[in-house]
PDB file of N, CA and C in Angstrom:
ATOM      1  N   UNK A   1      -2.706   4.094 -31.391  1.00  0.00           N
ATOM      2  CA  UNK A   1      -1.289   4.322 -31.213  1.00  0.00           C
ATOM      3  C   UNK A   1      -0.530   3.169 -31.872  1.00  0.00           C
ATOM      4  N   UNK A   2       0.613   3.453 -32.444  1.00  0.00           N
ATOM      5  CA  UNK A   2       1.440   2.438 -33.071  1.00  0.00           C
ATOM      6  C   UNK A   2       1.860   1.407 -32.029  1.00  0.00           C
ATOM      7  N   UNK A   3       1.784   0.123 -32.371  1.00  0.00           N
ATOM      8  CA  UNK A   3       2.052  -0.963 -31.420  1.00  0.00           C
ATOM      9  C   UNK A   3       3.471  -0.894 -30.854  1.00  0.00           C
ATOM     10  N   UNK A   4       4.457  -0.565 -31.686  1.00  0.00           N
ATOM     11  CA  UNK A   4       5.838  -0.527 -31.200  1.00  0.00           C
ATOM     12  C   UNK A   4       6.031   0.598 -30.179  1.00  0.00           C
ATOM     13  N   UNK A   5       5.367   1.724 -30.370  1.00  0.00           N
ATOM     14  CA  UNK A   5       5.460   2.796 -29.380  1.00  0.00           C
ATOM     15  C   UNK A   5       4.773   2.399 -28.079  1.00  0.00           C
ATOM     16  N   UNK A   6       3.657   1.697 -28.204  1.00  0.00           N
ATOM     17  CA  UNK A   6       2.942   1.251 -27.011  1.00  0.00           C
ATOM     18  C   UNK A   6       3.799   0.291 -26.189  1.00  0.00           C
ATOM     19  N   UNK A   7       4.429  -0.679 -26.856  1.00  0.00           N
ATOM     20  CA  UNK A   7       5.278  -1.642 -26.150  1.00  0.00           C
ATOM     21  C   UNK A   7       6.428  -0.927 -25.454  1.00  0.00           C
ATOM     22  N   UNK A   8       7.025   0.036 -26.139  1.00  0.00           N
ATOM     23  CA  UNK A   8       8.116   0.803 -25.539  1.00  0.00           C
ATOM     24  C   UNK A   8       7.662   1.619 -24.342  1.00  0.00           C
ATOM     25  N   UNK A   9       6.480   2.222 -24.437  1.00  0.00           N
ATOM     26  CA  UNK A   9       5.957   3.030 -23.325  1.00  0.00           C
ATOM     27  C   UNK A   9       5.625   2.155 -22.119  1.00  0.00           C
ATOM     28  N   UNK A  10       5.047   0.988 -22.367  1.00  0.00           N
ATOM     29  CA  UNK A  10       4.726   0.067 -21.273  1.00  0.00           C
ATOM     30  C   UNK A  10       6.001  -0.422 -20.607  1.00  0.00           C
ATOM     31  N   UNK A  11       7.017  -0.745 -21.410  1.00  0.00           N
ATOM     32  CA  UNK A  11       8.300  -1.192 -20.860  1.00  0.00           C
ATOM     33  C   UNK A  11       8.975  -0.111 -20.041  1.00  0.00           C
ATOM     34  N   UNK A  12       8.914   1.135 -20.515  1.00  0.00           N
ATOM     35  CA  UNK A  12       9.512   2.244 -19.767  1.00  0.00           C
ATOM     36  C   UNK A  12       8.787   2.454 -18.441  1.00  0.00           C
ATOM     37  N   UNK A  13       7.468   2.316 -18.441  1.00  0.00           N
ATOM     38  CA  UNK A  13       6.711   2.448 -17.195  1.00  0.00           C
ATOM     39  C   UNK A  13       7.054   1.353 -16.198  1.00  0.00           C
ATOM     40  N   UNK A  14       7.243   0.129 -16.694  1.00  0.00           N
ATOM     41  CA  UNK A  14       7.617  -0.983 -15.815  1.00  0.00           C
ATOM     42  C   UNK A  14       9.009  -0.770 -15.233  1.00  0.00           C
ATOM     43  N   UNK A  15       9.926  -0.287 -16.063  1.00  0.00           N
ATOM     44  CA  UNK A  15      11.281  -0.012 -15.564  1.00  0.00           C
ATOM     45  C   UNK A  15      11.274   1.104 -14.526  1.00  0.00           C
ATOM     46  N   UNK A  16      10.406   2.080 -14.706  1.00  0.00           N
ATOM     47  CA  UNK A  16      10.280   3.149 -13.716  1.00  0.00           C
ATOM     48  C   UNK A  16       9.801   2.602 -12.381  1.00  0.00           C
ATOM     49  N   UNK A  17       8.845   1.685 -12.424  1.00  0.00           N
ATOM     50  CA  UNK A  17       8.369   1.069 -11.181  1.00  0.00           C
ATOM     51  C   UNK A  17       9.474   0.267 -10.509  1.00  0.00           C
ATOM     52  N   UNK A  18      10.259  -0.484 -11.293  1.00  0.00           N
ATOM     53  CA  UNK A  18      11.356  -1.258 -10.714  1.00  0.00           C
ATOM     54  C   UNK A  18      12.407  -0.335 -10.110  1.00  0.00           C
ATOM     55  N   UNK A  19      12.712   0.783 -10.771  1.00  0.00           N
ATOM     56  CA  UNK A  19      13.666   1.745 -10.221  1.00  0.00           C
ATOM     57  C   UNK A  19      13.162   2.341  -8.918  1.00  0.00           C
ATOM     58  N   UNK A  20      11.856   2.539  -8.793  1.00  0.00           N
ATOM     59  CA  UNK A  20      11.290   3.045  -7.542  1.00  0.00           C
ATOM     60  C   UNK A  20      11.485   2.038  -6.413  1.00  0.00           C
ATOM     61  N   UNK A  21      11.322   0.758  -6.718  1.00  0.00           N
ATOM     62  CA  UNK A  21      11.534  -0.286  -5.710  1.00  0.00           C
ATOM     63  C   UNK A  21      12.999  -0.318  -5.287  1.00  0.00           C
ATOM     64  N   UNK A  22      13.902  -0.228  -6.256  1.00  0.00           N
ATOM     65  CA  UNK A  22      15.339  -0.231  -5.951  1.00  0.00           C
ATOM     66  C   UNK A  22      15.722   1.007  -5.145  1.00  0.00           C
ATOM     67  N   UNK A  23      15.181   2.167  -5.508  1.00  0.00           N
ATOM     68  CA  UNK A  23      15.475   3.402  -4.773  1.00  0.00           C
ATOM     69  C   UNK A  23      14.990   3.311  -3.332  1.00  0.00           C
ATOM     70  N   UNK A  24      13.828   2.700  -3.122  1.00  0.00           N
ATOM     71  CA  UNK A  24      13.321   2.512  -1.764  1.00  0.00           C
ATOM     72  C   UNK A  24      14.241   1.586  -0.968  1.00  0.00           C
ATOM     73  N   UNK A  25      14.734   0.534  -1.607  1.00  0.00           N
ATOM     74  CA  UNK A  25      15.667  -0.371  -0.931  1.00  0.00           C
ATOM     75  C   UNK A  25      16.952   0.353  -0.535  1.00  0.00           C
ATOM     76  N   UNK A  26      17.489   1.170  -1.440  1.00  0.00           N
ATOM     77  CA  UNK A  26      18.715   1.907  -1.138  1.00  0.00           C
ATOM     78  C   UNK A  26      18.502   2.957  -0.055  1.00  0.00           C
ATOM     79  N   UNK A  27      17.351   3.607  -0.069  1.00  0.00           N
ATOM     80  CA  UNK A  27      17.078   4.649   0.930  1.00  0.00           C
ATOM     81  C   UNK A  27      16.944   4.067   2.331  1.00  0.00           C
ATOM     82  N   UNK A  28      16.549   2.808   2.430  1.00  0.00           N
ATOM     83  CA  UNK A  28      16.304   2.205   3.745  1.00  0.00           C
ATOM     84  C   UNK A  28      17.337   1.165   4.140  1.00  0.00           C
ATOM     85  N   UNK A  29      18.449   1.085   3.425  1.00  0.00           N
ATOM     86  CA  UNK A  29      19.421   0.020   3.669  1.00  0.00           C
ATOM     87  C   UNK A  29      20.013   0.081   5.082  1.00  0.00           C
ATOM     88  N   UNK A  30      20.103   1.253   5.689  1.00  0.00           N
ATOM     89  CA  UNK A  30      20.687   1.370   7.020  1.00  0.00           C
ATOM     90  C   UNK A  30      19.656   1.350   8.147  1.00  0.00           C
ATOM     91  N   UNK A  31      18.390   1.167   7.827  1.00  0.00           N
ATOM     92  CA  UNK A  31      17.356   1.099   8.865  1.00  0.00           C
ATOM     93  C   UNK A  31      17.302  -0.301   9.459  1.00  0.00           C
ATOM     94  N   UNK A  32      17.317  -0.369  10.778  1.00  0.00           N
ATOM     95  CA  UNK A  32      17.226  -1.667  11.451  1.00  0.00           C
ATOM     96  C   UNK A  32      15.881  -2.311  11.152  1.00  0.00           C
ATOM     97  N   UNK A  33      15.917  -3.578  10.775  1.00  0.00           N
ATOM     98  CA  UNK A  33      14.687  -4.317  10.537  1.00  0.00           C
ATOM     99  C   UNK A  33      14.081  -4.120   9.163  1.00  0.00           C
ATOM    100  N   UNK A  34      14.707  -3.336   8.292  1.00  0.00           N
ATOM    101  CA  UNK A  34      14.141  -3.129   6.961  1.00  0.00           C
ATOM    102  C   UNK A  34      14.265  -4.397   6.134  1.00  0.00           C
ATOM    103  N   UNK A  35      13.223  -4.741   5.421  1.00  0.00           N
ATOM    104  CA  UNK A  35      13.212  -5.903   4.541  1.00  0.00           C
ATOM    105  C   UNK A  35      13.126  -5.419   3.099  1.00  0.00           C
ATOM    106  N   UNK A  36      14.090  -5.769   2.248  1.00  0.00           N
ATOM    107  CA  UNK A  36      14.086  -5.294   0.862  1.00  0.00           C
ATOM    108  C   UNK A  36      12.981  -5.937   0.036  1.00  0.00           C
ATOM    109  N   UNK A  37      12.606  -5.253  -1.021  1.00  0.00           N
ATOM    110  CA  UNK A  37      11.573  -5.740  -1.935  1.00  0.00           C
ATOM    111  C   UNK A  37      12.185  -6.003  -3.307  1.00  0.00           C
ATOM    112  N   UNK A  38      11.531  -6.869  -4.067  1.00  0.00           N
ATOM    113  CA  UNK A  38      11.941  -7.195  -5.431  1.00  0.00           C
ATOM    114  C   UNK A  38      10.728  -7.073  -6.333  1.00  0.00           C
ATOM    115  N   UNK A  39      10.889  -6.419  -7.464  1.00  0.00           N
ATOM    116  CA  UNK A  39       9.793  -6.293  -8.427  1.00  0.00           C
ATOM    117  C   UNK A  39       9.740  -7.548  -9.299  1.00  0.00           C
ATOM    118  N   UNK A  40       8.532  -8.092  -9.479  1.00  0.00           N
ATOM    119  CA  UNK A  40       8.325  -9.292 -10.288  1.00  0.00           C
ATOM    120  C   UNK A  40       7.555  -8.885 -11.539  1.00  0.00           C
ATOM    121  N   UNK A  41       8.103  -9.209 -12.702  1.00  0.00           N
ATOM    122  CA  UNK A  41       7.500  -8.844 -13.978  1.00  0.00           C
ATOM    123  C   UNK A  41       6.714 -10.004 -14.566  1.00  0.00           C
ATOM    124  N   UNK A  42       5.748  -9.681 -15.427  1.00  0.00           N
ATOM    125  CA  UNK A  42       5.029 -10.701 -16.198  1.00  0.00           C
ATOM    126  C   UNK A  42       4.756 -10.149 -17.590  1.00  0.00           C
ATOM    127  N   UNK A  43       4.650 -11.056 -18.564  1.00  0.00           N
ATOM    128  CA  UNK A  43       4.334 -10.662 -19.939  1.00  0.00           C
ATOM    129  C   UNK A  43       2.872 -10.280 -20.033  1.00  0.00           C
ATOM    130  N   UNK A  44       2.586  -9.236 -20.818  1.00  0.00           N
ATOM    131  CA  UNK A  44       1.192  -8.884 -21.047  1.00  0.00           C
ATOM    132  C   UNK A  44       0.563  -9.816 -22.066  1.00  0.00           C
ATOM    133  N   UNK A  45       1.142  -9.903 -23.246  1.00  0.00           N
ATOM    134  CA  UNK A  45       0.687 -10.834 -24.287  1.00  0.00           C
ATOM    135  C   UNK A  45       1.939 -11.327 -24.991  1.00  0.00           C
ATOM    136  N   UNK A  46       2.047 -12.624 -25.173  1.00  0.00           N
ATOM    137  CA  UNK A  46       3.179 -13.202 -25.866  1.00  0.00           C
ATOM    138  C   UNK A  46       2.658 -14.278 -26.799  1.00  0.00           C
ATOM    139  N   UNK A  47       3.005 -14.203 -28.070  1.00  0.00           N
ATOM    140  CA  UNK A  47       2.503 -15.192 -29.025  1.00  0.00           C
ATOM    141  C   UNK A  47       3.574 -15.509 -30.066  1.00  0.00           C
ATOM    142  N   UNK A  48       3.454 -16.691 -30.672  1.00  0.00           N
ATOM    143  CA  UNK A  48       4.391 -17.151 -31.692  1.00  0.00           C
ATOM    144  C   UNK A  48       3.981 -16.615 -33.058  1.00  0.00           C
ATOM    145  N   UNK A  49       4.972 -16.309 -33.877  1.00  0.00           N
ATOM    146  CA  UNK A  49       4.732 -15.884 -35.251  1.00  0.00           C
ATOM    147  C   UNK A  49       4.960 -17.072 -36.186  1.00  0.00           C
ATOM    148  N   UNK A  50       4.114 -17.216 -37.171  1.00  0.00           N
ATOM    149  CA  UNK A  50       4.262 -18.239 -38.210  1.00  0.00           C
ATOM    150  C   UNK A  50       4.199 -19.663 -37.672  1.00  0.00           C
ATOM    151  N   UNK A  51       3.449 -19.906 -36.611  1.00  0.00           N
ATOM    152  CA  UNK A  51       3.297 -21.267 -36.099  1.00  0.00           C
ATOM    153  C   UNK A  51       2.019 -21.355 -35.281  1.00  0.00           C
ATOM    154  N   UNK A  52       1.705 -22.539 -34.838  1.00  0.00           N
ATOM    155  CA  UNK A  52       0.460 -22.751 -34.095  1.00  0.00           C
ATOM    156  C   UNK A  52       0.630 -22.412 -32.623  1.00  0.00           C
ATOM    157  N   UNK A  53      -0.490 -22.360 -31.910  1.00  0.00           N
ATOM    158  CA  UNK A  53      -0.486 -22.039 -30.486  1.00  0.00           C
ATOM    159  C   UNK A  53       0.194 -23.158 -29.698  1.00  0.00           C
ATOM    160  N   UNK A  54       0.993 -22.809 -28.723  1.00  0.00           N
ATOM    161  CA  UNK A  54       1.648 -23.788 -27.868  1.00  0.00           C
ATOM    162  C   UNK A  54       3.022 -24.200 -28.340  1.00  0.00           C
ATOM    163  N   UNK A  55       3.402 -23.843 -29.558  1.00  0.00           N
ATOM    164  CA  UNK A  55       4.717 -24.180 -30.087  1.00  0.00           C
ATOM    165  C   UNK A  55       5.640 -22.987 -29.850  1.00  0.00           C
ATOM    166  N   UNK A  56       6.803 -23.233 -29.259  1.00  0.00           N
ATOM    167  CA  UNK A  56       7.752 -22.162 -28.990  1.00  0.00           C
ATOM    168  C   UNK A  56       8.699 -22.043 -30.179  1.00  0.00           C
ATOM    169  N   UNK A  57       8.731 -20.882 -30.777  1.00  0.00           N
ATOM    170  CA  UNK A  57       9.622 -20.619 -31.913  1.00  0.00           C
ATOM    171  C   UNK A  57      10.523 -19.440 -31.584  1.00  0.00           C
ATOM    172  N   UNK A  58      11.477 -19.200 -32.451  1.00  0.00           N
ATOM    173  CA  UNK A  58      12.355 -18.053 -32.243  1.00  0.00           C
ATOM    174  C   UNK A  58      11.680 -16.748 -32.651  1.00  0.00           C
ATOM    175  N   UNK A  59      10.644 -16.830 -33.446  1.00  0.00           N
ATOM    176  CA  UNK A  59       9.898 -15.645 -33.860  1.00  0.00           C
ATOM    177  C   UNK A  59       8.712 -15.455 -32.924  1.00  0.00           C
ATOM    178  N   UNK A  60       8.858 -14.562 -31.970  1.00  0.00           N
ATOM    179  CA  UNK A  60       7.789 -14.291 -31.022  1.00  0.00           C
ATOM    180  C   UNK A  60       7.524 -12.792 -30.978  1.00  0.00           C
ATOM    181  N   UNK A  61       6.302 -12.462 -30.672  1.00  0.00           N
ATOM    182  CA  UNK A  61       5.925 -11.057 -30.526  1.00  0.00           C
ATOM    183  C   UNK A  61       5.152 -10.910 -29.229  1.00  0.00           C
ATOM    184  N   UNK A  62       5.149  -9.728 -28.688  1.00  0.00           N
ATOM    185  CA  UNK A  62       4.435  -9.493 -27.439  1.00  0.00           C
ATOM    186  C   UNK A  62       3.983  -8.059 -27.330  1.00  0.00           C
ATOM    187  N   UNK A  63       3.307  -7.769 -26.235  1.00  0.00           N
ATOM    188  CA  UNK A  63       2.802  -6.419 -26.013  1.00  0.00           C
ATOM    189  C   UNK A  63       3.411  -5.813 -24.762  1.00  0.00           C
ATOM    190  N   UNK A  64       4.622  -6.220 -24.414  1.00  0.00           N
ATOM    191  CA  UNK A  64       5.314  -5.621 -23.280  1.00  0.00           C
ATOM    192  C   UNK A  64       5.182  -6.433 -22.005  1.00  0.00           C
ATOM    193  N   UNK A  65       5.587  -5.814 -20.927  1.00  0.00           N
ATOM    194  CA  UNK A  65       5.529  -6.458 -19.618  1.00  0.00           C
ATOM    195  C   UNK A  65       5.019  -5.453 -18.600  1.00  0.00           C
ATOM    196  N   UNK A  66       4.683  -5.963 -17.443  1.00  0.00           N
ATOM    197  CA  UNK A  66       4.250  -5.079 -16.358  1.00  0.00           C
ATOM    198  C   UNK A  66       4.748  -5.647 -15.048  1.00  0.00           C
ATOM    199  N   UNK A  67       4.779  -4.807 -14.022  1.00  0.00           N
ATOM    200  CA  UNK A  67       5.154  -5.271 -12.687  1.00  0.00           C
ATOM    201  C   UNK A  67       3.941  -5.991 -12.108  1.00  0.00           C
ATOM    202  N   UNK A  68       4.081  -7.281 -11.933  1.00  0.00           N
ATOM    203  CA  UNK A  68       2.991  -8.111 -11.410  1.00  0.00           C
ATOM    204  C   UNK A  68       2.760  -7.817  -9.929  1.00  0.00           C
ATOM    205  N   UNK A  69       3.851  -7.799  -9.170  1.00  0.00           N
ATOM    206  CA  UNK A  69       3.765  -7.522  -7.741  1.00  0.00           C
ATOM    207  C   UNK A  69       5.159  -7.231  -7.228  1.00  0.00           C
ATOM    208  N   UNK A  70       5.249  -6.809  -6.013  1.00  0.00           N
ATOM    209  CA  UNK A  70       6.548  -6.679  -5.365  1.00  0.00           C
ATOM    210  C   UNK A  70       6.631  -7.736  -4.271  1.00  0.00           C
ATOM    211  N   UNK A  71       7.750  -8.406  -4.224  1.00  0.00           N
ATOM    212  CA  UNK A  71       7.982  -9.483  -3.270  1.00  0.00           C
ATOM    213  C   UNK A  71       8.865  -8.954  -2.159  1.00  0.00           C
ATOM    214  N   UNK A  72       8.456  -9.135  -0.914  1.00  0.00           N
ATOM    215  CA  UNK A  72       9.254  -8.728   0.234  1.00  0.00           C
ATOM    216  C   UNK A  72      10.042  -9.919   0.733  1.00  0.00           C
ATOM    217  N   UNK A  73      11.343  -9.755   0.868  1.00  0.00           N
ATOM    218  CA  UNK A  73      12.215 -10.815   1.354  1.00  0.00           C
ATOM    219  C   UNK A  73      12.197 -10.807   2.880  1.00  0.00           C
ATOM    220  N   UNK A  74      11.731 -11.893   3.475  1.00  0.00           N
ATOM    221  CA  UNK A  74      11.688 -12.006   4.934  1.00  0.00           C
ATOM    222  C   UNK A  74      12.808 -12.893   5.462  1.00  0.00           C
ATOM    223  N   UNK A  75      13.948 -12.885   4.771  1.00  0.00           N
ATOM    224  CA  UNK A  75      15.106 -13.636   5.253  1.00  0.00           C
ATOM    225  C   UNK A  75      15.665 -12.951   6.493  1.00  0.00           C
ATOM    226  N   UNK A  76      16.387 -13.721   7.284  1.00  0.00           N
ATOM    227  CA  UNK A  76      16.993 -13.126   8.477  1.00  0.00           C
ATOM    228  C   UNK A  76      18.160 -12.245   8.057  1.00  0.00           C
ATOM    229  N   UNK A  77      18.405 -11.207   8.826  1.00  0.00           N
ATOM    230  CA  UNK A  77      19.462 -10.245   8.513  1.00  0.00           C
ATOM    231  C   UNK A  77      20.411 -10.158   9.696  1.00  0.00           C
ATOM    232  N   UNK A  78      21.391  -9.298   9.582  1.00  0.00           N
ATOM    233  CA  UNK A  78      22.349  -9.112  10.658  1.00  0.00           C
ATOM    234  C   UNK A  78      21.692  -8.511  11.898  1.00  0.00           C
ATOM    235  N   UNK A  79      22.266  -8.813  13.033  1.00  0.00           N
ATOM    236  CA  UNK A  79      21.724  -8.332  14.313  1.00  0.00           C
ATOM    237  C   UNK A  79      22.513  -7.104  14.745  1.00  0.00           C
ATOM    238  N   UNK A  80      21.799  -6.060  15.164  1.00  0.00           N
ATOM    239  CA  UNK A  80      22.419  -4.848  15.679  1.00  0.00           C
ATOM    240  C   UNK A  80      21.907  -4.604  17.081  1.00  0.00           C
ATOM    241  N   UNK A  81      22.811  -4.545  18.037  1.00  0.00           N
ATOM    242  CA  UNK A  81      22.418  -4.248  19.414  1.00  0.00           C
ATOM    243  C   UNK A  81      22.405  -2.744  19.621  1.00  0.00           C
ATOM    244  N   UNK A  82      21.317  -2.266  20.187  1.00  0.00           N
ATOM    245  CA  UNK A  82      21.202  -0.831  20.445  1.00  0.00           C
ATOM    246  C   UNK A  82      21.514  -0.486  21.898  1.00  0.00           C
ATOM    247  N   UNK A  83      21.573  -1.483  22.758  1.00  0.00           N
ATOM    248  CA  UNK A  83      21.837  -1.240  24.163  1.00  0.00           C
ATOM    249  C   UNK A  83      20.595  -0.841  24.935  1.00  0.00           C
ATOM    250  N   UNK A  84      19.450  -0.872  24.295  1.00  0.00           N
ATOM    251  CA  UNK A  84      18.195  -0.534  24.954  1.00  0.00           C
ATOM    252  C   UNK A  84      17.635  -1.743  25.688  1.00  0.00           C
ATOM    253  N   UNK A  85      16.629  -1.504  26.519  1.00  0.00           N
ATOM    254  CA  UNK A  85      16.043  -2.550  27.349  1.00  0.00           C
ATOM    255  C   UNK A  85      15.318  -3.606  26.513  1.00  0.00           C
ATOM    256  N   UNK A  86      14.699  -3.210  25.423  1.00  0.00           N
ATOM    257  CA  UNK A  86      13.862  -4.129  24.656  1.00  0.00           C
ATOM    258  C   UNK A  86      14.495  -4.499  23.316  1.00  0.00           C
ATOM    259  N   UNK A  87      15.715  -4.988  23.325  1.00  0.00           N
ATOM    260  CA  UNK A  87      16.354  -5.505  22.119  1.00  0.00           C
ATOM    261  C   UNK A  87      15.869  -6.924  21.883  1.00  0.00           C
ATOM    262  N   UNK A  88      15.254  -7.154  20.717  1.00  0.00           N
ATOM    263  CA  UNK A  88      14.810  -8.491  20.330  1.00  0.00           C
ATOM    264  C   UNK A  88      15.275  -8.749  18.904  1.00  0.00           C
ATOM    265  N   UNK A  89      15.490 -10.006  18.586  1.00  0.00           N
ATOM    266  CA  UNK A  89      15.892 -10.377  17.226  1.00  0.00           C
ATOM    267  C   UNK A  89      15.237 -11.690  16.840  1.00  0.00           C
ATOM    268  N   UNK A  90      14.885 -11.802  15.582  1.00  0.00           N
ATOM    269  CA  UNK A  90      14.343 -13.045  15.036  1.00  0.00           C
ATOM    270  C   UNK A  90      15.414 -13.608  14.109  1.00  0.00           C
ATOM    271  N   UNK A  91      15.860 -14.811  14.374  1.00  0.00           N
ATOM    272  CA  UNK A  91      16.968 -15.393  13.630  1.00  0.00           C
ATOM    273  C   UNK A  91      16.526 -16.395  12.570  1.00  0.00           C
ATOM    274  N   UNK A  92      15.247 -16.722  12.501  1.00  0.00           N
ATOM    275  CA  UNK A  92      14.739 -17.686  11.528  1.00  0.00           C
ATOM    276  C   UNK A  92      14.125 -16.927  10.343  1.00  0.00           C
ATOM    277  N   UNK A  93      14.320 -17.424   9.118  1.00  0.00           N
ATOM    278  CA  UNK A  93      13.670 -16.768   7.972  1.00  0.00           C
ATOM    279  C   UNK A  93      12.158 -16.975   8.001  1.00  0.00           C
ATOM    280  N   UNK A  94      11.424 -15.995   7.510  1.00  0.00           N
ATOM    281  CA  UNK A  94       9.953 -16.015   7.444  1.00  0.00           C
ATOM    282  C   UNK A  94       9.310 -16.179   8.813  1.00  0.00           C
ATOM    283  N   UNK A  95       9.912 -15.646   9.844  1.00  0.00           N
ATOM    284  CA  UNK A  95       9.350 -15.727  11.202  1.00  0.00           C
ATOM    285  C   UNK A  95       8.958 -14.327  11.667  1.00  0.00           C
ATOM    286  N   UNK A  96       7.952 -14.266  12.518  1.00  0.00           N
ATOM    287  CA  UNK A  96       7.446 -13.002  13.044  1.00  0.00           C
ATOM    288  C   UNK A  96       7.191 -13.159  14.534  1.00  0.00           C
ATOM    289  N   UNK A  97       7.052 -12.052  15.237  1.00  0.00           N
ATOM    290  CA  UNK A  97       6.585 -12.119  16.608  1.00  0.00           C
ATOM    291  C   UNK A  97       5.448 -11.143  16.794  1.00  0.00           C
ATOM    292  N   UNK A  98       4.621 -11.434  17.767  1.00  0.00           N
ATOM    293  CA  UNK A  98       3.423 -10.642  18.026  1.00  0.00           C
ATOM    294  C   UNK A  98       3.655  -9.789  19.262  1.00  0.00           C
ATOM    295  N   UNK A  99       3.212  -8.552  19.180  1.00  0.00           N
ATOM    296  CA  UNK A  99       3.296  -7.636  20.310  1.00  0.00           C
ATOM    297  C   UNK A  99       1.897  -7.481  20.883  1.00  0.00           C
ATOM    298  N   UNK A 100       1.786  -7.604  22.206  1.00  0.00           N
ATOM    299  CA  UNK A 100       0.485  -7.506  22.857  1.00  0.00           C
ATOM    300  C   UNK A 100       0.510  -6.347  23.840  1.00  0.00           C
ATOM    301  N   UNK A 101      -0.543  -5.546  23.817  1.00  0.00           N
ATOM    302  CA  UNK A 101      -0.695  -4.420  24.743  1.00  0.00           C
ATOM    303  C   UNK A 101      -1.160  -4.983  26.080  1.00  0.00           C
ATOM    304  N   UNK A 102      -0.390  -4.803  27.143  1.00  0.00           N
ATOM    305  CA  UNK A 102      -0.807  -5.368  28.440  1.00  0.00           C
ATOM    306  C   UNK A 102      -2.055  -4.702  29.022  1.00  0.00           C
ATOM    307  N   UNK A 103      -2.321  -3.465  28.623  1.00  0.00           N
ATOM    308  CA  UNK A 103      -3.502  -2.762  29.141  1.00  0.00           C
ATOM    309  C   UNK A 103      -4.802  -3.269  28.547  1.00  0.00           C
ATOM    310  N   UNK A 104      -4.821  -3.468  27.239  1.00  0.00           N
ATOM    311  CA  UNK A 104      -6.053  -3.900  26.571  1.00  0.00           C
ATOM    312  C   UNK A 104      -6.071  -5.383  26.243  1.00  0.00           C
ATOM    313  N   UNK A 105      -4.921  -6.015  26.244  1.00  0.00           N
ATOM    314  CA  UNK A 105      -4.854  -7.432  25.897  1.00  0.00           C
ATOM    315  C   UNK A 105      -4.912  -7.674  24.405  1.00  0.00           C
ATOM    316  N   UNK A 106      -4.962  -6.623  23.614  1.00  0.00           N
ATOM    317  CA  UNK A 106      -5.022  -6.788  22.153  1.00  0.00           C
ATOM    318  C   UNK A 106      -3.666  -6.710  21.523  1.00  0.00           C
TER     319      UNK A 106
END
């Protein structure tokens, strides 16, 4: 396959994955406790033209990018009271709580 078509196809696939992540964030924006995700990209191959390895020039070529991973943001969000008996909130970023079953202890 022609290299330019391949790079374009890989880029379109990566953009499709990022759009899926954004669509999931929008679909769940009103859910209590939802944590948004961010797509992280990485270069597949990137090299300099007309120069040696390790030198950064304005003439560069590559083979596209891909979604390396999705990052979940565990920052604290707004608090919504539901009026139920078991309303709990975590106000610190990157904090979690553990739920234990009183019957089994697990």
